[in-house]
Amino acid sequence: MSSTIHFRIDDETKRLAMQAAERVKLSLTELMRQRAVELADEERRHQSHEHDIWLEQQITQAFERHDSGSGEYISHDEATSHMDKLRERAQQGKL
């Protein structure tokens, strides 16, 4: 699936951008597509890094609760029941 991006820029910016594209033997559209892909890749790395930090914090907190004896443990059946209820709420759009 592909999308189209439309945006306005001033004439001088367009002229200079077209010259830059010509210098690297690309059309302005191709160059802008490459830049958009680079931005998306950068954002993926950023989001992945944030998730890694969050996950590490969650794991550290879980071990701290375990080590201090304040962890709360439930049986497999309780966990399954809880997940079934959450799944049902999600299917109903209530999450």
PDB file of N, CA and C in Angstrom:
ATOM      1  N   MET A   1       0.844  -1.175   0.000  1.00  0.00           N
ATOM      2  CA  MET A   1       0.000   0.000   0.000  1.00  0.00           C
ATOM      3  C   MET A   1       0.889   1.239   0.000  1.00  0.00           C
ATOM      4  N   SER A   2       0.518   2.214  -0.761  1.00  0.00           N
ATOM      5  CA  SER A   2       1.305   3.443  -0.789  1.00  0.00           C
ATOM      6  C   SER A   2       0.388   4.643  -0.618  1.00  0.00           C
ATOM      7  N   SER A   3       0.970   5.719  -0.184  1.00  0.00           N
ATOM      8  CA  SER A   3       0.234   6.959   0.055  1.00  0.00           C
ATOM      9  C   SER A   3       0.933   8.090  -0.665  1.00  0.00           C
ATOM     10  N   THR A   4       0.215   9.162  -0.824  1.00  0.00           N
ATOM     11  CA  THR A   4       0.755  10.356  -1.447  1.00  0.00           C
ATOM     12  C   THR A   4       0.839  11.450  -0.407  1.00  0.00           C
ATOM     13  N   ILE A   5       1.937  12.206  -0.442  1.00  0.00           N
ATOM     14  CA  ILE A   5       2.119  13.338   0.458  1.00  0.00           C
ATOM     15  C   ILE A   5       2.137  14.599  -0.393  1.00  0.00           C
ATOM     16  N   HIS A   6       1.345  15.567  -0.007  1.00  0.00           N
ATOM     17  CA  HIS A   6       1.334  16.872  -0.674  1.00  0.00           C
ATOM     18  C   HIS A   6       1.711  17.932   0.349  1.00  0.00           C
ATOM     19  N   PHE A   7       2.600  18.816  -0.024  1.00  0.00           N
ATOM     20  CA  PHE A   7       2.917  19.930   0.861  1.00  0.00           C
ATOM     21  C   PHE A   7       3.374  21.114   0.021  1.00  0.00           C
ATOM     22  N   ARG A   8       3.258  22.284   0.601  1.00  0.00           N
ATOM     23  CA  ARG A   8       3.644  23.510  -0.087  1.00  0.00           C
ATOM     24  C   ARG A   8       4.950  24.035   0.490  1.00  0.00           C
ATOM     25  N   ILE A   9       5.798  24.512  -0.430  1.00  0.00           N
ATOM     26  CA  ILE A   9       7.033  25.165  -0.025  1.00  0.00           C
ATOM     27  C   ILE A   9       7.203  26.404  -0.901  1.00  0.00           C
ATOM     28  N   ASP A  10       8.031  27.321  -0.455  1.00  0.00           N
ATOM     29  CA  ASP A  10       8.225  28.527  -1.251  1.00  0.00           C
ATOM     30  C   ASP A  10       9.075  28.200  -2.486  1.00  0.00           C
ATOM     31  N   ASP A  11       9.015  29.069  -3.481  1.00  0.00           N
ATOM     32  CA  ASP A  11       9.686  28.837  -4.761  1.00  0.00           C
ATOM     33  C   ASP A  11      11.195  28.659  -4.614  1.00  0.00           C
ATOM     34  N   GLU A  12      11.818  29.463  -3.778  1.00  0.00           N
ATOM     35  CA  GLU A  12      13.271  29.383  -3.595  1.00  0.00           C
ATOM     36  C   GLU A  12      13.667  28.029  -3.003  1.00  0.00           C
ATOM     37  N   THR A  13      12.911  27.565  -2.017  1.00  0.00           N
ATOM     38  CA  THR A  13      13.191  26.259  -1.408  1.00  0.00           C
ATOM     39  C   THR A  13      13.046  25.162  -2.451  1.00  0.00           C
ATOM     40  N   LYS A  14      11.993  25.231  -3.257  1.00  0.00           N
ATOM     41  CA  LYS A  14      11.778  24.224  -4.300  1.00  0.00           C
ATOM     42  C   LYS A  14      12.932  24.238  -5.302  1.00  0.00           C
ATOM     43  N   ARG A  15      13.346  25.425  -5.734  1.00  0.00           N
ATOM     44  CA  ARG A  15      14.425  25.544  -6.715  1.00  0.00           C
ATOM     45  C   ARG A  15      15.715  24.925  -6.175  1.00  0.00           C
ATOM     46  N   LEU A  16      16.052  25.253  -4.948  1.00  0.00           N
ATOM     47  CA  LEU A  16      17.271  24.717  -4.345  1.00  0.00           C
ATOM     48  C   LEU A  16      17.175  23.205  -4.126  1.00  0.00           C
ATOM     49  N   ALA A  17      16.013  22.742  -3.704  1.00  0.00           N
ATOM     50  CA  ALA A  17      15.819  21.304  -3.497  1.00  0.00           C
ATOM     51  C   ALA A  17      15.949  20.547  -4.819  1.00  0.00           C
ATOM     52  N   MET A  18      15.414  21.131  -5.901  1.00  0.00           N
ATOM     53  CA  MET A  18      15.527  20.494  -7.209  1.00  0.00           C
ATOM     54  C   MET A  18      16.995  20.449  -7.651  1.00  0.00           C
ATOM     55  N   GLN A  19      17.751  21.490  -7.371  1.00  0.00           N
ATOM     56  CA  GLN A  19      19.175  21.494  -7.708  1.00  0.00           C
ATOM     57  C   GLN A  19      19.924  20.419  -6.917  1.00  0.00           C
ATOM     58  N   ALA A  20      19.574  20.290  -5.646  1.00  0.00           N
ATOM     59  CA  ALA A  20      20.209  19.270  -4.814  1.00  0.00           C
ATOM     60  C   ALA A  20      19.892  17.873  -5.352  1.00  0.00           C
ATOM     61  N   ALA A  21      18.650  17.663  -5.782  1.00  0.00           N
ATOM     62  CA  ALA A  21      18.253  16.366  -6.334  1.00  0.00           C
ATOM     63  C   ALA A  21      19.000  16.083  -7.633  1.00  0.00           C
ATOM     64  N   GLU A  22      19.106  17.086  -8.485  1.00  0.00           N
ATOM     65  CA  GLU A  22      19.834  16.923  -9.748  1.00  0.00           C
ATOM     66  C   GLU A  22      21.301  16.579  -9.498  1.00  0.00           C
ATOM     67  N   ARG A  23      21.881  17.206  -8.472  1.00  0.00           N
ATOM     68  CA  ARG A  23      23.280  16.956  -8.143  1.00  0.00           C
ATOM     69  C   ARG A  23      23.525  15.490  -7.816  1.00  0.00           C
ATOM     70  N   VAL A  24      22.558  14.831  -7.187  1.00  0.00           N
ATOM     71  CA  VAL A  24      22.717  13.413  -6.841  1.00  0.00           C
ATOM     72  C   VAL A  24      22.010  12.512  -7.851  1.00  0.00           C
ATOM     73  N   LYS A  25      21.626  13.114  -8.986  1.00  0.00           N
ATOM     74  CA  LYS A  25      21.031  12.394 -10.115  1.00  0.00           C
ATOM     75  C   LYS A  25      19.734  11.659  -9.743  1.00  0.00           C
ATOM     76  N   LEU A  26      18.892  12.358  -8.990  1.00  0.00           N
ATOM     77  CA  LEU A  26      17.570  11.846  -8.629  1.00  0.00           C
ATOM     78  C   LEU A  26      16.548  12.920  -8.933  1.00  0.00           C
ATOM     79  N   SER A  27      15.301  12.486  -9.090  1.00  0.00           N
ATOM     80  CA  SER A  27      14.237  13.479  -9.190  1.00  0.00           C
ATOM     81  C   SER A  27      13.948  13.981  -7.780  1.00  0.00           C
ATOM     82  N   LEU A  28      13.331  15.128  -7.686  1.00  0.00           N
ATOM     83  CA  LEU A  28      12.982  15.655  -6.363  1.00  0.00           C
ATOM     84  C   LEU A  28      12.040  14.690  -5.653  1.00  0.00           C
ATOM     85  N   THR A  29      11.131  14.076  -6.391  1.00  0.00           N
ATOM     86  CA  THR A  29      10.207  13.102  -5.793  1.00  0.00           C
ATOM     87  C   THR A  29      10.976  11.919  -5.207  1.00  0.00           C
ATOM     88  N   GLU A  30      11.946  11.390  -5.956  1.00  0.00           N
ATOM     89  CA  GLU A  30      12.726  10.257  -5.457  1.00  0.00           C
ATOM     90  C   GLU A  30      13.523  10.640  -4.215  1.00  0.00           C
ATOM     91  N   LEU A  31      14.109  11.825  -4.249  1.00  0.00           N
ATOM     92  CA  LEU A  31      14.892  12.284  -3.105  1.00  0.00           C
ATOM     93  C   LEU A  31      14.009  12.471  -1.873  1.00  0.00           C
ATOM     94  N   MET A  32      12.840  13.055  -2.048  1.00  0.00           N
ATOM     95  CA  MET A  32      11.924  13.251  -0.917  1.00  0.00           C
ATOM     96  C   MET A  32      11.417  11.911  -0.393  1.00  0.00           C
ATOM     97  N   ARG A  33      11.193  10.961  -1.299  1.00  0.00           N
ATOM     98  CA  ARG A  33      10.779   9.619  -0.871  1.00  0.00           C
ATOM     99  C   ARG A  33      11.876   8.995  -0.004  1.00  0.00           C
ATOM    100  N   GLN A  34      13.130   9.103  -0.439  1.00  0.00           N
ATOM    101  CA  GLN A  34      14.248   8.576   0.347  1.00  0.00           C
ATOM    102  C   GLN A  34      14.316   9.234   1.723  1.00  0.00           C
ATOM    103  N   ARG A  35      14.139  10.540   1.749  1.00  0.00           N
ATOM    104  CA  ARG A  35      14.195  11.255   3.035  1.00  0.00           C
ATOM    105  C   ARG A  35      13.057  10.816   3.954  1.00  0.00           C
ATOM    106  N   ALA A  36      11.869  10.608   3.375  1.00  0.00           N
ATOM    107  CA  ALA A  36      10.727  10.162   4.185  1.00  0.00           C
ATOM    108  C   ALA A  36      10.993   8.772   4.760  1.00  0.00           C
ATOM    109  N   VAL A  37      11.582   7.897   3.948  1.00  0.00           N
ATOM    110  CA  VAL A  37      11.924   6.549   4.427  1.00  0.00           C
ATOM    111  C   VAL A  37      12.966   6.642   5.545  1.00  0.00           C
ATOM    112  N   GLU A  38      13.957   7.524   5.386  1.00  0.00           N
ATOM    113  CA  GLU A  38      14.962   7.715   6.427  1.00  0.00           C
ATOM    114  C   GLU A  38      14.328   8.216   7.723  1.00  0.00           C
ATOM    115  N   LEU A  39      13.391   9.151   7.607  1.00  0.00           N
ATOM    116  CA  LEU A  39      12.694   9.656   8.798  1.00  0.00           C
ATOM    117  C   LEU A  39      11.907   8.547   9.488  1.00  0.00           C
ATOM    118  N   ALA A  40      11.219   7.726   8.683  1.00  0.00           N
ATOM    119  CA  ALA A  40      10.440   6.626   9.244  1.00  0.00           C
ATOM    120  C   ALA A  40      11.354   5.623   9.944  1.00  0.00           C
ATOM    121  N   ASP A  41      12.498   5.308   9.330  1.00  0.00           N
ATOM    122  CA  ASP A  41      13.459   4.397   9.964  1.00  0.00           C
ATOM    123  C   ASP A  41      13.974   4.960  11.276  1.00  0.00           C
ATOM    124  N   GLU A  42      14.268   6.252  11.273  1.00  0.00           N
ATOM    125  CA  GLU A  42      14.728   6.919  12.496  1.00  0.00           C
ATOM    126  C   GLU A  42      13.671   6.822  13.593  1.00  0.00           C
ATOM    127  N   GLU A  43      12.414   7.036  13.226  1.00  0.00           N
ATOM    128  CA  GLU A  43      11.330   6.959  14.216  1.00  0.00           C
ATOM    129  C   GLU A  43      11.162   5.537  14.731  1.00  0.00           C
ATOM    130  N   ARG A  44      11.307   4.534  13.847  1.00  0.00           N
ATOM    131  CA  ARG A  44      11.232   3.139  14.299  1.00  0.00           C
ATOM    132  C   ARG A  44      12.316   2.846  15.331  1.00  0.00           C
ATOM    133  N   ARG A  45      13.528   3.313  15.057  1.00  0.00           N
ATOM    134  CA  ARG A  45      14.623   3.097  16.013  1.00  0.00           C
ATOM    135  C   ARG A  45      14.324   3.805  17.335  1.00  0.00           C
ATOM    136  N   HIS A  46      13.814   5.016  17.252  1.00  0.00           N
ATOM    137  CA  HIS A  46      13.474   5.780  18.462  1.00  0.00           C
ATOM    138  C   HIS A  46      12.419   5.050  19.281  1.00  0.00           C
ATOM    139  N   GLN A  47      11.355   4.604  18.613  1.00  0.00           N
ATOM    140  CA  GLN A  47      10.281   3.915  19.330  1.00  0.00           C
ATOM    141  C   GLN A  47      10.766   2.596  19.908  1.00  0.00           C
ATOM    142  N   SER A  48      11.601   1.888  19.170  1.00  0.00           N
ATOM    143  CA  SER A  48      12.138   0.619  19.660  1.00  0.00           C
ATOM    144  C   SER A  48      12.991   0.860  20.896  1.00  0.00           C
ATOM    145  N   HIS A  49      13.803   1.904  20.855  1.00  0.00           N
ATOM    146  CA  HIS A  49      14.664   2.223  21.998  1.00  0.00           C
ATOM    147  C   HIS A  49      13.816   2.573  23.221  1.00  0.00           C
ATOM    148  N   GLU A  50      12.769   3.369  23.018  1.00  0.00           N
ATOM    149  CA  GLU A  50      11.881   3.719  24.144  1.00  0.00           C
ATOM    150  C   GLU A  50      11.241   2.464  24.726  1.00  0.00           C
ATOM    151  N   HIS A  51      10.827   1.546  23.840  1.00  0.00           N
ATOM    152  CA  HIS A  51      10.200   0.309  24.317  1.00  0.00           C
ATOM    153  C   HIS A  51      11.210  -0.523  25.097  1.00  0.00           C
ATOM    154  N   ASP A  52      12.448  -0.593  24.609  1.00  0.00           N
ATOM    155  CA  ASP A  52      13.487  -1.348  25.318  1.00  0.00           C
ATOM    156  C   ASP A  52      13.707  -0.794  26.717  1.00  0.00           C
ATOM    157  N   ILE A  53      13.738   0.525  26.840  1.00  0.00           N
ATOM    158  CA  ILE A  53      13.922   1.162  28.151  1.00  0.00           C
ATOM    159  C   ILE A  53      12.748   0.821  29.067  1.00  0.00           C
ATOM    160  N   TRP A  54      11.521   0.940  28.527  1.00  0.00           N
ATOM    161  CA  TRP A  54      10.324   0.640  29.319  1.00  0.00           C
ATOM    162  C   TRP A  54      10.356  -0.820  29.781  1.00  0.00           C
ATOM    163  N   LEU A  55      10.674  -1.736  28.866  1.00  0.00           N
ATOM    164  CA  LEU A  55      10.689  -3.155  29.205  1.00  0.00           C
ATOM    165  C   LEU A  55      11.735  -3.452  30.284  1.00  0.00           C
ATOM    166  N   GLU A  56      12.896  -2.851  30.166  1.00  0.00           N
ATOM    167  CA  GLU A  56      13.938  -3.051  31.168  1.00  0.00           C
ATOM    168  C   GLU A  56      13.473  -2.556  32.538  1.00  0.00           C
ATOM    169  N   GLN A  57      12.776  -1.425  32.571  1.00  0.00           N
ATOM    170  CA  GLN A  57      12.241  -0.896  33.835  1.00  0.00           C
ATOM    171  C   GLN A  57      11.219  -1.862  34.435  1.00  0.00           C
ATOM    172  N   GLN A  58      10.354  -2.410  33.595  1.00  0.00           N
ATOM    173  CA  GLN A  58       9.335  -3.337  34.074  1.00  0.00           C
ATOM    174  C   GLN A  58       9.978  -4.596  34.663  1.00  0.00           C
ATOM    175  N   ILE A  59      11.001  -5.098  34.000  1.00  0.00           N
ATOM    176  CA  ILE A  59      11.684  -6.300  34.481  1.00  0.00           C
ATOM    177  C   ILE A  59      12.386  -6.013  35.801  1.00  0.00           C
ATOM    178  N   THR A  60      13.057  -4.880  35.881  1.00  0.00           N
ATOM    179  CA  THR A  60      13.743  -4.497  37.121  1.00  0.00           C
ATOM    180  C   THR A  60      12.750  -4.386  38.274  1.00  0.00           C
ATOM    181  N   GLN A  61      11.619  -3.737  38.027  1.00  0.00           N
ATOM    182  CA  GLN A  61      10.591  -3.598  39.067  1.00  0.00           C
ATOM    183  C   GLN A  61      10.043  -4.960  39.495  1.00  0.00           C
ATOM    184  N   ALA A  62       9.864  -5.860  38.551  1.00  0.00           N
ATOM    185  CA  ALA A  62       9.351  -7.195  38.885  1.00  0.00           C
ATOM    186  C   ALA A  62      10.336  -7.937  39.789  1.00  0.00           C
ATOM    187  N   PHE A  63      11.627  -7.859  39.468  1.00  0.00           N
ATOM    188  CA  PHE A  63      12.626  -8.516  40.314  1.00  0.00           C
ATOM    189  C   PHE A  63      12.710  -7.863  41.689  1.00  0.00           C
ATOM    190  N   GLU A  64      12.562  -6.551  41.749  1.00  0.00           N
ATOM    191  CA  GLU A  64      12.575  -5.859  43.043  1.00  0.00           C
ATOM    192  C   GLU A  64      11.401  -6.316  43.902  1.00  0.00           C
ATOM    193  N   ARG A  65      10.211  -6.449  43.280  1.00  0.00           N
ATOM    194  CA  ARG A  65       9.045  -6.937  44.041  1.00  0.00           C
ATOM    195  C   ARG A  65       9.286  -8.366  44.524  1.00  0.00           C
ATOM    196  N   HIS A  66       9.856  -9.188  43.659  1.00  0.00           N
ATOM    197  CA  HIS A  66      10.135 -10.577  44.028  1.00  0.00           C
ATOM    198  C   HIS A  66      11.134 -10.629  45.181  1.00  0.00           C
ATOM    199  N   ASP A  67      12.228  -9.886  45.038  1.00  0.00           N
ATOM    200  CA  ASP A  67      13.277  -9.912  46.063  1.00  0.00           C
ATOM    201  C   ASP A  67      12.801  -9.372  47.409  1.00  0.00           C
ATOM    202  N   SER A  68      11.878  -8.411  47.383  1.00  0.00           N
ATOM    203  CA  SER A  68      11.390  -7.834  48.637  1.00  0.00           C
ATOM    204  C   SER A  68      10.236  -8.636  49.238  1.00  0.00           C
ATOM    205  N   GLY A  69       9.767  -9.638  48.499  1.00  0.00           N
ATOM    206  CA  GLY A  69       8.651 -10.456  48.989  1.00  0.00           C
ATOM    207  C   GLY A  69       7.302  -9.793  48.818  1.00  0.00           C
ATOM    208  N   SER A  70       7.255  -8.683  48.085  1.00  0.00           N
ATOM    209  CA  SER A  70       5.980  -7.984  47.915  1.00  0.00           C
ATOM    210  C   SER A  70       5.297  -8.332  46.595  1.00  0.00           C
ATOM    211  N   GLY A  71       5.848  -9.304  45.885  1.00  0.00           N
ATOM    212  CA  GLY A  71       5.235  -9.705  44.619  1.00  0.00           C
ATOM    213  C   GLY A  71       3.902 -10.387  44.843  1.00  0.00           C
ATOM    214  N   GLU A  72       3.014 -10.229  43.903  1.00  0.00           N
ATOM    215  CA  GLU A  72       1.698 -10.860  43.976  1.00  0.00           C
ATOM    216  C   GLU A  72       1.650 -11.957  42.932  1.00  0.00           C
ATOM    217  N   TYR A  73       1.344 -13.150  43.341  1.00  0.00           N
ATOM    218  CA  TYR A  73       1.350 -14.291  42.442  1.00  0.00           C
ATOM    219  C   TYR A  73      -0.058 -14.846  42.318  1.00  0.00           C
ATOM    220  N   ILE A  74      -0.413 -15.218  41.093  1.00  0.00           N
ATOM    221  CA  ILE A  74      -1.731 -15.820  40.860  1.00  0.00           C
ATOM    222  C   ILE A  74      -1.532 -17.123  40.099  1.00  0.00           C
ATOM    223  N   SER A  75      -2.524 -17.980  40.182  1.00  0.00           N
ATOM    224  CA  SER A  75      -2.427 -19.277  39.514  1.00  0.00           C
ATOM    225  C   SER A  75      -2.625 -19.120  38.002  1.00  0.00           C
ATOM    226  N   HIS A  76      -2.265 -20.169  37.293  1.00  0.00           N
ATOM    227  CA  HIS A  76      -2.456 -20.178  35.851  1.00  0.00           C
ATOM    228  C   HIS A  76      -3.933 -19.990  35.502  1.00  0.00           C
ATOM    229  N   ASP A  77      -4.813 -20.663  36.240  1.00  0.00           N
ATOM    230  CA  ASP A  77      -6.250 -20.550  35.978  1.00  0.00           C
ATOM    231  C   ASP A  77      -6.747 -19.115  36.192  1.00  0.00           C
ATOM    232  N   GLU A  78      -6.259 -18.463  37.251  1.00  0.00           N
ATOM    233  CA  GLU A  78      -6.641 -17.066  37.494  1.00  0.00           C
ATOM    234  C   GLU A  78      -6.151 -16.157  36.370  1.00  0.00           C
ATOM    235  N   ALA A  79      -4.927 -16.383  35.917  1.00  0.00           N
ATOM    236  CA  ALA A  79      -4.367 -15.571  34.828  1.00  0.00           C
ATOM    237  C   ALA A  79      -5.162 -15.781  33.545  1.00  0.00           C
ATOM    238  N   THR A  80      -5.506 -17.029  33.256  1.00  0.00           N
ATOM    239  CA  THR A  80      -6.285 -17.338  32.051  1.00  0.00           C
ATOM    240  C   THR A  80      -7.651 -16.681  32.116  1.00  0.00           C
ATOM    241  N   SER A  81      -8.290 -16.751  33.270  1.00  0.00           N
ATOM    242  CA  SER A  81      -9.598 -16.125  33.439  1.00  0.00           C
ATOM    243  C   SER A  81      -9.512 -14.615  33.238  1.00  0.00           C
ATOM    244  N   HIS A  82      -8.500 -14.013  33.821  1.00  0.00           N
ATOM    245  CA  HIS A  82      -8.311 -12.568  33.688  1.00  0.00           C
ATOM    246  C   HIS A  82      -8.086 -12.192  32.225  1.00  0.00           C
ATOM    247  N   MET A  83      -7.251 -12.947  31.528  1.00  0.00           N
ATOM    248  CA  MET A  83      -6.978 -12.663  30.115  1.00  0.00           C
ATOM    249  C   MET A  83      -8.233 -12.848  29.264  1.00  0.00           C
ATOM    250  N   ASP A  84      -9.049 -13.865  29.584  1.00  0.00           N
ATOM    251  CA  ASP A  84     -10.296 -14.067  28.841  1.00  0.00           C
ATOM    252  C   ASP A  84     -11.224 -12.865  28.994  1.00  0.00           C
ATOM    253  N   LYS A  85     -11.296 -12.335  30.213  1.00  0.00           N
ATOM    254  CA  LYS A  85     -12.136 -11.158  30.451  1.00  0.00           C
ATOM    255  C   LYS A  85     -11.607  -9.937  29.702  1.00  0.00           C
ATOM    256  N   LEU A  86     -10.295  -9.756  29.721  1.00  0.00           N
ATOM    257  CA  LEU A  86      -9.699  -8.646  28.973  1.00  0.00           C
ATOM    258  C   LEU A  86      -9.942  -8.790  27.469  1.00  0.00           C
ATOM    259  N   ARG A  87      -9.789 -10.005  26.960  1.00  0.00           N
ATOM    260  CA  ARG A  87     -10.012 -10.266  25.539  1.00  0.00           C
ATOM    261  C   ARG A  87     -11.458  -9.937  25.163  1.00  0.00           C
ATOM    262  N   GLU A  88     -12.395 -10.320  26.007  1.00  0.00           N
ATOM    263  CA  GLU A  88     -13.815 -10.047  25.756  1.00  0.00           C
ATOM    264  C   GLU A  88     -14.076  -8.539  25.740  1.00  0.00           C
ATOM    265  N   ARG A  89     -13.501  -7.819  26.702  1.00  0.00           N
ATOM    266  CA  ARG A  89     -13.663  -6.359  26.732  1.00  0.00           C
ATOM    267  C   ARG A  89     -13.053  -5.711  25.491  1.00  0.00           C
ATOM    268  N   ALA A  90     -11.921  -6.234  25.055  1.00  0.00           N
ATOM    269  CA  ALA A  90     -11.261  -5.691  23.859  1.00  0.00           C
ATOM    270  C   ALA A  90     -12.139  -5.914  22.637  1.00  0.00           C
ATOM    271  N   GLN A  91     -12.722  -7.082  22.528  1.00  0.00           N
ATOM    272  CA  GLN A  91     -13.582  -7.376  21.377  1.00  0.00           C
ATOM    273  C   GLN A  91     -14.826  -6.497  21.365  1.00  0.00           C
ATOM    274  N   GLN A  92     -15.249  -6.067  22.526  1.00  0.00           N
ATOM    275  CA  GLN A  92     -16.409  -5.185  22.652  1.00  0.00           C
ATOM    276  C   GLN A  92     -16.021  -3.717  22.506  1.00  0.00           C
ATOM    277  N   GLY A  93     -14.734  -3.473  22.341  1.00  0.00           N
ATOM    278  CA  GLY A  93     -14.253  -2.093  22.205  1.00  0.00           C
ATOM    279  C   GLY A  93     -14.258  -1.332  23.519  1.00  0.00           C
ATOM    280  N   LYS A  94     -14.173  -2.029  24.622  1.00  0.00           N
ATOM    281  CA  LYS A  94     -14.230  -1.389  25.936  1.00  0.00           C
ATOM    282  C   LYS A  94     -12.862  -1.240  26.594  1.00  0.00           C
ATOM    283  N   LEU A  95     -11.802  -1.405  25.842  1.00  0.00           N
ATOM    284  CA  LEU A  95     -10.451  -1.210  26.402  1.00  0.00           C
ATOM    285  C   LEU A  95      -9.856   0.056  25.862  1.00  0.00           C
TER     286      LEU A  95
END
